[in-house]
N, C-alpha and C. Protein backbone atom coordinates (compact mmCIF):
# COMPACT_ATOMS: atom_id res chain seq x y z
N MET A 1 19.72 -55.94 -39.11
CA MET A 1 18.92 -57.05 -38.67
C MET A 1 19.65 -57.89 -37.62
N SER A 2 20.95 -57.72 -37.44
CA SER A 2 21.67 -58.54 -36.47
C SER A 2 21.16 -58.30 -35.05
N ASN A 3 20.71 -57.09 -34.72
CA ASN A 3 20.15 -56.83 -33.40
C ASN A 3 18.89 -57.64 -33.17
N LEU A 4 18.13 -57.90 -34.23
CA LEU A 4 16.88 -58.64 -34.10
C LEU A 4 17.13 -60.08 -33.67
N LYS A 5 18.30 -60.63 -33.98
CA LYS A 5 18.59 -62.02 -33.65
C LYS A 5 18.82 -62.21 -32.16
N ARG A 6 19.17 -61.16 -31.43
CA ARG A 6 19.38 -61.26 -30.00
C ARG A 6 18.13 -60.90 -29.22
N MET A 7 17.03 -60.87 -29.90
CA MET A 7 15.78 -60.45 -29.29
C MET A 7 14.77 -61.58 -29.38
N GLU A 8 13.83 -61.58 -28.44
CA GLU A 8 12.72 -62.53 -28.45
C GLU A 8 11.80 -62.19 -29.62
N GLN A 9 11.35 -63.20 -30.37
CA GLN A 9 10.47 -62.99 -31.51
C GLN A 9 9.06 -63.46 -31.16
N ILE A 10 8.08 -62.61 -31.44
CA ILE A 10 6.69 -62.98 -31.23
C ILE A 10 5.97 -62.73 -32.55
N GLU A 11 5.37 -63.78 -33.11
CA GLU A 11 4.62 -63.60 -34.35
C GLU A 11 3.28 -62.95 -34.03
N ILE A 12 3.05 -61.79 -34.61
CA ILE A 12 1.80 -61.07 -34.38
C ILE A 12 0.71 -61.64 -35.29
N ILE A 13 1.03 -61.77 -36.57
CA ILE A 13 0.10 -62.43 -37.50
C ILE A 13 0.89 -63.29 -38.47
N GLY A 14 0.25 -64.35 -38.92
CA GLY A 14 0.86 -65.26 -39.88
C GLY A 14 0.36 -65.00 -41.28
N GLU A 15 0.67 -65.92 -42.17
CA GLU A 15 0.37 -65.75 -43.59
C GLU A 15 -1.12 -65.57 -43.88
N LYS A 16 -1.96 -66.40 -43.28
CA LYS A 16 -3.40 -66.34 -43.57
C LYS A 16 -3.98 -64.99 -43.15
N GLN A 17 -3.66 -64.54 -41.94
CA GLN A 17 -4.21 -63.25 -41.48
C GLN A 17 -3.60 -62.09 -42.25
N LEU A 18 -2.32 -62.20 -42.64
CA LEU A 18 -1.69 -61.15 -43.45
C LEU A 18 -2.42 -61.00 -44.78
N ASN A 19 -2.73 -62.12 -45.41
CA ASN A 19 -3.46 -62.07 -46.68
C ASN A 19 -4.86 -61.49 -46.52
N LEU A 20 -5.55 -61.84 -45.43
CA LEU A 20 -6.87 -61.27 -45.16
C LEU A 20 -6.78 -59.77 -44.92
N THR A 21 -5.74 -59.34 -44.23
CA THR A 21 -5.54 -57.91 -43.96
C THR A 21 -5.30 -57.15 -45.26
N LEU A 22 -4.46 -57.71 -46.15
CA LEU A 22 -4.22 -57.07 -47.44
C LEU A 22 -5.51 -56.99 -48.27
N LYS A 23 -6.31 -58.03 -48.22
CA LYS A 23 -7.57 -58.04 -48.97
C LYS A 23 -8.51 -56.96 -48.43
N ARG A 24 -8.59 -56.83 -47.10
CA ARG A 24 -9.42 -55.78 -46.51
C ARG A 24 -8.94 -54.40 -46.94
N LEU A 25 -7.62 -54.19 -46.93
CA LEU A 25 -7.07 -52.91 -47.36
C LEU A 25 -7.40 -52.63 -48.82
N ALA A 26 -7.35 -53.66 -49.65
CA ALA A 26 -7.69 -53.49 -51.07
C ALA A 26 -9.13 -53.02 -51.22
N TYR A 27 -10.04 -53.61 -50.46
CA TYR A 27 -11.45 -53.20 -50.55
C TYR A 27 -11.65 -51.79 -49.99
N GLU A 28 -10.90 -51.40 -48.98
CA GLU A 28 -10.98 -50.03 -48.48
C GLU A 28 -10.54 -49.04 -49.56
N LEU A 29 -9.48 -49.39 -50.28
CA LEU A 29 -9.01 -48.54 -51.38
C LEU A 29 -10.06 -48.43 -52.48
N ILE A 30 -10.67 -49.55 -52.81
CA ILE A 30 -11.71 -49.54 -53.85
C ILE A 30 -12.87 -48.66 -53.42
N GLU A 31 -13.22 -48.72 -52.14
CA GLU A 31 -14.32 -47.90 -51.63
C GLU A 31 -14.04 -46.41 -51.84
N ASN A 32 -12.78 -46.00 -51.69
CA ASN A 32 -12.44 -44.58 -51.80
C ASN A 32 -11.92 -44.15 -53.17
N HIS A 33 -11.49 -45.10 -54.00
CA HIS A 33 -10.91 -44.76 -55.30
C HIS A 33 -11.70 -45.36 -56.46
N THR A 34 -12.76 -46.04 -56.19
CA THR A 34 -13.67 -46.65 -57.15
C THR A 34 -12.96 -47.33 -58.32
N ASN A 35 -12.73 -46.62 -59.41
CA ASN A 35 -12.16 -47.25 -60.61
C ASN A 35 -10.66 -46.98 -60.78
N PHE A 36 -10.05 -46.27 -59.88
CA PHE A 36 -8.61 -45.96 -59.90
C PHE A 36 -8.18 -45.22 -61.16
N GLU A 37 -9.13 -44.57 -61.82
CA GLU A 37 -8.83 -43.87 -63.06
C GLU A 37 -7.75 -42.79 -62.88
N ASN A 38 -7.76 -42.14 -61.74
CA ASN A 38 -6.82 -41.06 -61.50
C ASN A 38 -5.95 -41.33 -60.26
N SER A 39 -5.87 -42.61 -59.84
CA SER A 39 -5.14 -42.98 -58.63
C SER A 39 -3.96 -43.88 -58.96
N VAL A 40 -2.88 -43.72 -58.19
CA VAL A 40 -1.68 -44.54 -58.38
C VAL A 40 -1.17 -45.00 -57.02
N LEU A 41 -0.52 -46.15 -57.01
CA LEU A 41 0.15 -46.66 -55.82
C LEU A 41 1.64 -46.37 -55.94
N ILE A 42 2.24 -45.89 -54.86
CA ILE A 42 3.69 -45.71 -54.83
C ILE A 42 4.21 -46.38 -53.56
N GLY A 43 4.98 -47.44 -53.74
CA GLY A 43 5.57 -48.16 -52.62
C GLY A 43 6.89 -47.54 -52.23
N LEU A 44 7.08 -47.32 -50.94
CA LEU A 44 8.34 -46.78 -50.45
C LEU A 44 9.36 -47.90 -50.32
N GLN A 45 10.53 -47.71 -50.93
CA GLN A 45 11.61 -48.68 -50.85
C GLN A 45 12.21 -48.65 -49.45
N PRO A 46 12.69 -49.72 -48.91
CA PRO A 46 12.77 -51.01 -49.58
C PRO A 46 11.58 -51.94 -49.33
N ARG A 47 10.88 -51.84 -48.19
CA ARG A 47 9.89 -52.84 -47.81
C ARG A 47 8.44 -52.50 -48.18
N GLY A 48 8.16 -51.23 -48.36
CA GLY A 48 6.81 -50.84 -48.73
C GLY A 48 6.41 -51.32 -50.11
N ILE A 49 7.41 -51.57 -50.95
CA ILE A 49 7.11 -52.03 -52.30
C ILE A 49 6.46 -53.41 -52.30
N TYR A 50 6.79 -54.24 -51.30
CA TYR A 50 6.15 -55.56 -51.21
C TYR A 50 4.65 -55.42 -50.93
N VAL A 51 4.30 -54.50 -50.05
CA VAL A 51 2.88 -54.24 -49.75
C VAL A 51 2.20 -53.72 -51.01
N ALA A 52 2.82 -52.76 -51.68
CA ALA A 52 2.22 -52.16 -52.88
C ALA A 52 2.01 -53.20 -53.97
N LYS A 53 2.98 -54.07 -54.18
CA LYS A 53 2.85 -55.10 -55.22
C LYS A 53 1.71 -56.07 -54.91
N ARG A 54 1.62 -56.47 -53.65
CA ARG A 54 0.54 -57.38 -53.26
C ARG A 54 -0.82 -56.71 -53.43
N LEU A 55 -0.91 -55.44 -53.05
CA LEU A 55 -2.16 -54.72 -53.22
C LEU A 55 -2.52 -54.57 -54.69
N LYS A 56 -1.53 -54.27 -55.51
CA LYS A 56 -1.77 -54.14 -56.96
C LYS A 56 -2.34 -55.44 -57.52
N GLU A 57 -1.75 -56.58 -57.14
CA GLU A 57 -2.25 -57.88 -57.61
C GLU A 57 -3.72 -58.07 -57.22
N LEU A 58 -4.05 -57.76 -55.97
CA LEU A 58 -5.42 -57.91 -55.51
C LEU A 58 -6.35 -56.94 -56.23
N LEU A 59 -5.93 -55.69 -56.33
CA LEU A 59 -6.77 -54.68 -56.98
C LEU A 59 -6.99 -54.99 -58.46
N ASP A 60 -5.94 -55.44 -59.16
CA ASP A 60 -6.08 -55.81 -60.57
C ASP A 60 -7.12 -56.92 -60.72
N LYS A 61 -7.03 -57.89 -59.83
CA LYS A 61 -7.94 -59.05 -59.89
C LYS A 61 -9.38 -58.63 -59.57
N ILE A 62 -9.56 -57.84 -58.52
CA ILE A 62 -10.90 -57.45 -58.08
C ILE A 62 -11.55 -56.48 -59.06
N THR A 63 -10.80 -55.48 -59.52
CA THR A 63 -11.38 -54.44 -60.39
C THR A 63 -11.36 -54.81 -61.86
N GLY A 64 -10.50 -55.73 -62.24
CA GLY A 64 -10.36 -56.07 -63.65
C GLY A 64 -9.59 -55.03 -64.43
N LYS A 65 -8.94 -54.11 -63.72
CA LYS A 65 -8.16 -53.05 -64.36
C LYS A 65 -6.70 -53.18 -63.97
N GLU A 66 -5.84 -52.58 -64.76
CA GLU A 66 -4.41 -52.53 -64.48
C GLU A 66 -4.13 -51.29 -63.64
N ILE A 67 -3.82 -51.48 -62.37
CA ILE A 67 -3.56 -50.37 -61.46
C ILE A 67 -2.11 -49.91 -61.65
N THR A 68 -1.91 -48.60 -61.72
CA THR A 68 -0.57 -48.03 -61.89
C THR A 68 0.18 -48.08 -60.57
N ILE A 69 1.44 -48.54 -60.64
CA ILE A 69 2.26 -48.69 -59.44
C ILE A 69 3.67 -48.18 -59.72
N GLY A 70 4.28 -47.62 -58.68
CA GLY A 70 5.67 -47.18 -58.77
C GLY A 70 6.40 -47.51 -57.48
N ALA A 71 7.72 -47.42 -57.54
CA ALA A 71 8.58 -47.65 -56.37
C ALA A 71 9.42 -46.40 -56.16
N LEU A 72 9.48 -45.92 -54.94
CA LEU A 72 10.17 -44.68 -54.64
C LEU A 72 11.26 -44.90 -53.59
N ASP A 73 12.50 -44.57 -53.97
CA ASP A 73 13.62 -44.62 -53.03
C ASP A 73 13.72 -43.29 -52.30
N ILE A 74 13.80 -43.34 -50.99
CA ILE A 74 13.84 -42.12 -50.18
C ILE A 74 15.19 -41.93 -49.48
N THR A 75 16.16 -42.74 -49.81
CA THR A 75 17.44 -42.76 -49.08
C THR A 75 18.00 -41.37 -48.83
N PHE A 76 18.15 -40.58 -49.86
CA PHE A 76 18.82 -39.29 -49.71
C PHE A 76 17.88 -38.16 -49.27
N TYR A 77 16.63 -38.50 -49.00
CA TYR A 77 15.69 -37.54 -48.45
C TYR A 77 15.51 -37.72 -46.95
N ARG A 78 16.10 -38.79 -46.41
CA ARG A 78 16.00 -39.05 -44.96
C ARG A 78 16.83 -38.04 -44.19
N ASP A 79 16.35 -37.66 -43.03
CA ASP A 79 17.10 -36.69 -42.22
C ASP A 79 18.24 -37.34 -41.45
N ASP A 80 18.36 -38.67 -41.53
CA ASP A 80 19.41 -39.37 -40.77
C ASP A 80 20.41 -40.10 -41.66
N PHE A 81 20.35 -39.93 -43.00
CA PHE A 81 21.20 -40.76 -43.86
C PHE A 81 22.69 -40.47 -43.69
N ARG A 82 23.06 -39.30 -43.23
CA ARG A 82 24.48 -39.00 -43.01
C ARG A 82 24.97 -39.44 -41.64
N ARG A 83 24.07 -39.86 -40.78
CA ARG A 83 24.42 -40.24 -39.41
C ARG A 83 24.71 -41.72 -39.27
N ARG A 84 24.63 -42.47 -40.32
CA ARG A 84 24.81 -43.92 -40.25
C ARG A 84 26.29 -44.29 -40.22
N ASP A 85 26.58 -45.39 -39.53
CA ASP A 85 27.94 -45.92 -39.50
C ASP A 85 28.33 -46.50 -40.85
N VAL A 86 27.37 -47.13 -41.49
CA VAL A 86 27.58 -47.73 -42.81
C VAL A 86 26.85 -46.85 -43.82
N PRO A 87 27.50 -46.49 -44.92
CA PRO A 87 26.84 -45.63 -45.92
C PRO A 87 25.55 -46.26 -46.43
N ALA A 88 24.55 -45.42 -46.61
CA ALA A 88 23.27 -45.88 -47.13
C ALA A 88 23.41 -46.26 -48.60
N ILE A 89 22.81 -47.39 -48.95
CA ILE A 89 22.83 -47.85 -50.33
C ILE A 89 21.44 -47.64 -50.90
N PRO A 90 21.31 -46.76 -51.89
CA PRO A 90 19.97 -46.48 -52.42
C PRO A 90 19.37 -47.67 -53.16
N SER A 91 18.05 -47.75 -53.13
CA SER A 91 17.29 -48.73 -53.89
C SER A 91 16.89 -48.06 -55.21
N ALA A 92 16.22 -48.80 -56.03
CA ALA A 92 15.81 -48.25 -57.32
C ALA A 92 14.48 -47.53 -57.22
N THR A 93 14.42 -46.33 -57.76
CA THR A 93 13.15 -45.65 -57.95
C THR A 93 12.64 -46.04 -59.33
N ASN A 94 11.38 -46.39 -59.39
CA ASN A 94 10.79 -46.76 -60.67
C ASN A 94 9.40 -46.13 -60.74
N ILE A 95 9.37 -44.90 -61.20
CA ILE A 95 8.10 -44.20 -61.42
C ILE A 95 8.13 -43.72 -62.86
N ASP A 96 7.48 -44.47 -63.73
CA ASP A 96 7.49 -44.15 -65.16
C ASP A 96 6.18 -43.47 -65.59
N PHE A 97 5.64 -42.68 -64.67
CA PHE A 97 4.41 -41.94 -64.94
C PHE A 97 4.50 -40.61 -64.20
N VAL A 98 3.71 -39.66 -64.62
CA VAL A 98 3.68 -38.35 -63.98
C VAL A 98 2.61 -38.39 -62.89
N ILE A 99 2.95 -37.87 -61.71
CA ILE A 99 1.95 -37.87 -60.64
C ILE A 99 1.20 -36.55 -60.54
N GLU A 100 1.54 -35.62 -61.43
CA GLU A 100 0.84 -34.34 -61.47
C GLU A 100 -0.66 -34.58 -61.59
N ASN A 101 -1.43 -33.98 -60.69
CA ASN A 101 -2.89 -34.09 -60.68
C ASN A 101 -3.42 -35.51 -60.48
N LYS A 102 -2.63 -36.38 -59.90
CA LYS A 102 -3.07 -37.74 -59.58
C LYS A 102 -3.39 -37.83 -58.10
N ARG A 103 -4.15 -38.85 -57.74
CA ARG A 103 -4.39 -39.20 -56.34
C ARG A 103 -3.37 -40.28 -56.00
N VAL A 104 -2.42 -39.95 -55.17
CA VAL A 104 -1.33 -40.87 -54.83
C VAL A 104 -1.63 -41.59 -53.52
N ILE A 105 -1.47 -42.89 -53.56
CA ILE A 105 -1.55 -43.70 -52.34
C ILE A 105 -0.12 -44.16 -52.05
N MET A 106 0.51 -43.53 -51.08
CA MET A 106 1.86 -43.89 -50.67
C MET A 106 1.75 -45.11 -49.75
N VAL A 107 2.57 -46.13 -50.01
CA VAL A 107 2.44 -47.41 -49.31
C VAL A 107 3.74 -47.76 -48.60
N ASP A 108 3.62 -48.13 -47.33
CA ASP A 108 4.78 -48.59 -46.56
C ASP A 108 4.37 -49.78 -45.70
N ASP A 109 5.37 -50.51 -45.21
CA ASP A 109 5.05 -51.69 -44.41
C ASP A 109 4.77 -51.33 -42.96
N VAL A 110 5.63 -50.52 -42.32
CA VAL A 110 5.46 -50.18 -40.91
C VAL A 110 5.54 -48.67 -40.73
N PHE A 111 4.56 -48.11 -40.05
CA PHE A 111 4.59 -46.69 -39.68
C PHE A 111 5.06 -46.61 -38.24
N PHE A 112 6.16 -45.88 -38.02
CA PHE A 112 6.72 -45.76 -36.68
C PHE A 112 6.74 -44.29 -36.26
N THR A 113 7.75 -43.54 -36.65
CA THR A 113 7.88 -42.16 -36.22
C THR A 113 7.27 -41.16 -37.19
N GLY A 114 7.09 -41.56 -38.44
CA GLY A 114 6.60 -40.65 -39.47
C GLY A 114 7.72 -40.07 -40.31
N ARG A 115 8.95 -40.32 -39.94
CA ARG A 115 10.08 -39.74 -40.69
C ARG A 115 10.22 -40.34 -42.09
N THR A 116 9.94 -41.62 -42.23
CA THR A 116 9.98 -42.23 -43.56
C THR A 116 8.91 -41.62 -44.45
N THR A 117 7.73 -41.41 -43.90
CA THR A 117 6.64 -40.80 -44.65
C THR A 117 7.02 -39.39 -45.09
N ARG A 118 7.59 -38.60 -44.19
CA ARG A 118 8.02 -37.24 -44.53
C ARG A 118 9.03 -37.28 -45.66
N SER A 119 9.97 -38.20 -45.57
CA SER A 119 10.98 -38.35 -46.62
C SER A 119 10.33 -38.74 -47.95
N GLY A 120 9.34 -39.62 -47.89
CA GLY A 120 8.63 -40.02 -49.08
C GLY A 120 7.89 -38.87 -49.74
N LEU A 121 7.29 -38.03 -48.92
CA LEU A 121 6.59 -36.85 -49.46
C LEU A 121 7.57 -35.92 -50.17
N ASP A 122 8.73 -35.69 -49.56
CA ASP A 122 9.75 -34.84 -50.18
C ASP A 122 10.23 -35.44 -51.51
N ALA A 123 10.54 -36.72 -51.51
CA ALA A 123 11.06 -37.39 -52.71
C ALA A 123 10.01 -37.41 -53.83
N MET A 124 8.77 -37.62 -53.46
CA MET A 124 7.70 -37.74 -54.44
C MET A 124 7.49 -36.45 -55.23
N LEU A 125 7.72 -35.31 -54.62
CA LEU A 125 7.48 -34.03 -55.30
C LEU A 125 8.37 -33.83 -56.51
N ALA A 126 9.45 -34.60 -56.64
CA ALA A 126 10.30 -34.52 -57.83
C ALA A 126 9.56 -35.04 -59.07
N PHE A 127 8.44 -35.75 -58.86
CA PHE A 127 7.69 -36.35 -59.96
C PHE A 127 6.40 -35.61 -60.26
N GLY A 128 6.18 -34.47 -59.61
CA GLY A 128 4.99 -33.68 -59.86
C GLY A 128 4.24 -33.38 -58.58
N ARG A 129 3.16 -32.63 -58.75
CA ARG A 129 2.34 -32.25 -57.60
C ARG A 129 1.00 -32.97 -57.70
N PRO A 130 0.78 -33.93 -56.82
CA PRO A 130 -0.49 -34.67 -56.86
C PRO A 130 -1.66 -33.85 -56.35
N ILE A 131 -2.86 -34.28 -56.70
CA ILE A 131 -4.08 -33.65 -56.16
C ILE A 131 -4.14 -33.88 -54.66
N ASP A 132 -3.92 -35.13 -54.27
CA ASP A 132 -3.83 -35.44 -52.85
C ASP A 132 -2.97 -36.68 -52.65
N VAL A 133 -2.56 -36.87 -51.42
CA VAL A 133 -1.71 -38.01 -51.06
C VAL A 133 -2.34 -38.68 -49.84
N GLU A 134 -2.49 -39.99 -49.93
CA GLU A 134 -2.94 -40.78 -48.80
C GLU A 134 -1.83 -41.74 -48.43
N LEU A 135 -1.82 -42.16 -47.18
CA LEU A 135 -0.80 -43.09 -46.70
C LEU A 135 -1.46 -44.38 -46.27
N LEU A 136 -0.95 -45.49 -46.79
CA LEU A 136 -1.39 -46.82 -46.40
C LEU A 136 -0.20 -47.53 -45.77
N CYS A 137 -0.39 -48.03 -44.56
CA CYS A 137 0.65 -48.79 -43.87
C CYS A 137 0.06 -50.11 -43.39
N LEU A 138 0.79 -51.17 -43.62
CA LEU A 138 0.33 -52.48 -43.18
C LEU A 138 0.27 -52.53 -41.66
N VAL A 139 1.30 -51.99 -41.00
CA VAL A 139 1.35 -52.00 -39.53
C VAL A 139 1.61 -50.58 -39.03
N GLU A 140 0.80 -50.16 -38.09
CA GLU A 140 1.02 -48.87 -37.43
C GLU A 140 1.47 -49.16 -36.00
N ARG A 141 2.65 -48.64 -35.66
CA ARG A 141 3.10 -48.71 -34.26
C ARG A 141 2.52 -47.49 -33.55
N ARG A 142 1.51 -47.72 -32.74
CA ARG A 142 0.80 -46.61 -32.10
C ARG A 142 1.67 -45.90 -31.07
N PHE A 143 1.35 -44.65 -30.84
CA PHE A 143 1.97 -43.82 -29.81
C PHE A 143 3.45 -43.56 -30.04
N SER A 144 3.91 -43.64 -31.28
CA SER A 144 5.33 -43.46 -31.55
C SER A 144 5.64 -42.33 -32.53
N ALA A 145 4.61 -41.73 -33.10
CA ALA A 145 4.83 -40.69 -34.12
C ALA A 145 5.57 -39.50 -33.54
N GLN A 146 6.56 -39.03 -34.29
CA GLN A 146 7.32 -37.84 -33.90
C GLN A 146 6.92 -36.65 -34.76
N LEU A 147 6.14 -36.90 -35.77
CA LEU A 147 5.66 -35.86 -36.68
C LEU A 147 4.13 -35.93 -36.73
N PRO A 148 3.46 -34.84 -37.06
CA PRO A 148 1.99 -34.85 -37.09
C PRO A 148 1.45 -35.54 -38.34
N LEU A 149 1.75 -36.81 -38.47
CA LEU A 149 1.32 -37.62 -39.61
C LEU A 149 0.63 -38.88 -39.08
N ARG A 150 -0.30 -39.40 -39.88
CA ARG A 150 -0.97 -40.64 -39.52
C ARG A 150 -1.48 -41.30 -40.80
N PRO A 151 -1.37 -42.63 -40.88
CA PRO A 151 -1.87 -43.32 -42.08
C PRO A 151 -3.39 -43.17 -42.24
N ASN A 152 -3.82 -43.11 -43.51
CA ASN A 152 -5.24 -43.12 -43.84
C ASN A 152 -5.80 -44.53 -43.81
N TYR A 153 -4.96 -45.50 -44.15
CA TYR A 153 -5.34 -46.91 -44.19
C TYR A 153 -4.34 -47.68 -43.34
N ILE A 154 -4.86 -48.48 -42.42
CA ILE A 154 -4.00 -49.22 -41.49
C ILE A 154 -4.44 -50.68 -41.50
N GLY A 155 -3.48 -51.56 -41.75
CA GLY A 155 -3.77 -52.99 -41.71
C GLY A 155 -4.01 -53.45 -40.29
N LEU A 156 -3.06 -53.17 -39.40
CA LEU A 156 -3.24 -53.45 -38.00
C LEU A 156 -2.41 -52.47 -37.18
N SER A 157 -2.90 -52.17 -35.99
CA SER A 157 -2.19 -51.29 -35.07
C SER A 157 -1.66 -52.12 -33.92
N VAL A 158 -0.41 -51.84 -33.55
CA VAL A 158 0.18 -52.55 -32.41
C VAL A 158 0.77 -51.54 -31.45
N ASP A 159 0.63 -51.84 -30.18
CA ASP A 159 1.22 -51.01 -29.14
C ASP A 159 2.61 -51.58 -28.84
N THR A 160 3.62 -50.75 -28.97
CA THR A 160 4.99 -51.21 -28.76
C THR A 160 5.75 -50.22 -27.91
N LEU A 161 6.81 -50.72 -27.30
CA LEU A 161 7.76 -49.85 -26.62
C LEU A 161 8.77 -49.36 -27.65
N LYS A 162 9.41 -48.25 -27.36
CA LYS A 162 10.40 -47.71 -28.29
C LYS A 162 11.54 -48.71 -28.54
N SER A 163 11.88 -49.50 -27.54
CA SER A 163 12.98 -50.47 -27.66
C SER A 163 12.61 -51.70 -28.48
N GLU A 164 11.32 -51.89 -28.77
CA GLU A 164 10.88 -53.05 -29.54
C GLU A 164 10.92 -52.73 -31.03
N ARG A 165 10.90 -53.77 -31.84
CA ARG A 165 10.91 -53.62 -33.29
C ARG A 165 9.77 -54.44 -33.87
N VAL A 166 9.22 -53.95 -34.96
CA VAL A 166 8.21 -54.69 -35.71
C VAL A 166 8.78 -54.94 -37.10
N SER A 167 8.68 -56.16 -37.56
CA SER A 167 9.21 -56.51 -38.87
C SER A 167 8.16 -57.29 -39.66
N VAL A 168 7.99 -56.90 -40.91
CA VAL A 168 7.10 -57.62 -41.82
C VAL A 168 7.99 -58.48 -42.71
N GLU A 169 7.71 -59.77 -42.70
CA GLU A 169 8.47 -60.70 -43.54
C GLU A 169 7.62 -61.07 -44.76
N TRP A 170 8.29 -61.20 -45.90
CA TRP A 170 7.61 -61.49 -47.16
C TRP A 170 8.22 -62.73 -47.79
N LYS A 171 7.36 -63.54 -48.42
CA LYS A 171 7.83 -64.74 -49.12
C LYS A 171 8.95 -64.40 -50.10
N GLU A 172 8.77 -63.30 -50.80
CA GLU A 172 9.70 -62.92 -51.85
C GLU A 172 11.12 -62.68 -51.35
N SER A 173 11.26 -62.17 -50.15
CA SER A 173 12.60 -61.84 -49.64
C SER A 173 13.00 -62.63 -48.41
N ASP A 174 12.02 -63.09 -47.63
CA ASP A 174 12.32 -63.73 -46.35
C ASP A 174 11.88 -65.19 -46.28
N GLY A 175 11.20 -65.67 -47.32
CA GLY A 175 10.78 -67.06 -47.34
C GLY A 175 9.39 -67.33 -46.80
N LYS A 176 8.80 -66.37 -46.08
CA LYS A 176 7.43 -66.55 -45.59
C LYS A 176 6.81 -65.20 -45.29
N ASP A 177 5.48 -65.19 -45.20
CA ASP A 177 4.73 -63.98 -44.88
C ASP A 177 4.37 -63.99 -43.41
N SER A 178 4.76 -62.95 -42.69
CA SER A 178 4.36 -62.80 -41.29
C SER A 178 4.73 -61.41 -40.79
N VAL A 179 4.14 -61.05 -39.66
CA VAL A 179 4.51 -59.82 -38.97
C VAL A 179 4.99 -60.25 -37.60
N LYS A 180 6.19 -59.79 -37.23
CA LYS A 180 6.78 -60.20 -35.96
C LYS A 180 7.13 -58.99 -35.11
N LEU A 181 7.02 -59.20 -33.81
CA LEU A 181 7.45 -58.22 -32.82
C LEU A 181 8.72 -58.77 -32.19
N PHE A 182 9.75 -57.93 -32.12
CA PHE A 182 11.02 -58.30 -31.51
C PHE A 182 11.20 -57.47 -30.25
N ARG A 183 11.44 -58.16 -29.13
CA ARG A 183 11.70 -57.45 -27.89
C ARG A 183 12.94 -58.03 -27.23
N SER A 184 13.61 -57.19 -26.47
CA SER A 184 14.84 -57.59 -25.81
C SER A 184 14.59 -58.77 -24.88
N ASP A 185 15.54 -59.72 -24.89
CA ASP A 185 15.43 -60.89 -24.01
C ASP A 185 15.34 -60.53 -22.53
N ASN A 186 15.93 -59.39 -22.17
CA ASN A 186 15.93 -58.98 -20.76
C ASN A 186 14.77 -58.05 -20.43
N GLY A 187 13.71 -58.08 -21.23
CA GLY A 187 12.51 -57.32 -20.92
C GLY A 187 12.44 -56.05 -21.65
């Protein structure tokens, strides 16, 4: 995150619009999963879990049912984890249910190259073979995918340069809810 501090910050959406976006995504999920009888949410660690938890709260409230949720650490499934200067520190995986024959909704905060999604798919198979897997991302960085993957549910799409960064901030970890674009001060 230290690189982000030397960059210009532009707030793309604030708390009110972020909450409206999450609510819209919840209704899209309800439209496709109706009663969630055979569907589960799996948030990708570290930041996708915030999206998944917020969606679970909304879905529980709207449907009146307890939606099943899990958290999946993908650290050692990433193709770049050995290339880091600082060793990767894994997050906690918390999936206390079998995903065999379930409809899995994999949840992440930002879709960029698709590599995190690929890692999530690999890691998830340790817990069974789902009927199908859908991807929900709060923010899609368009025109940046390096793999033939695309989210099924998108909160908002933003056009960015490769040198720019998109960050989702959450009350729980950052003190406020917002989506920000970071770009170099020199253009």
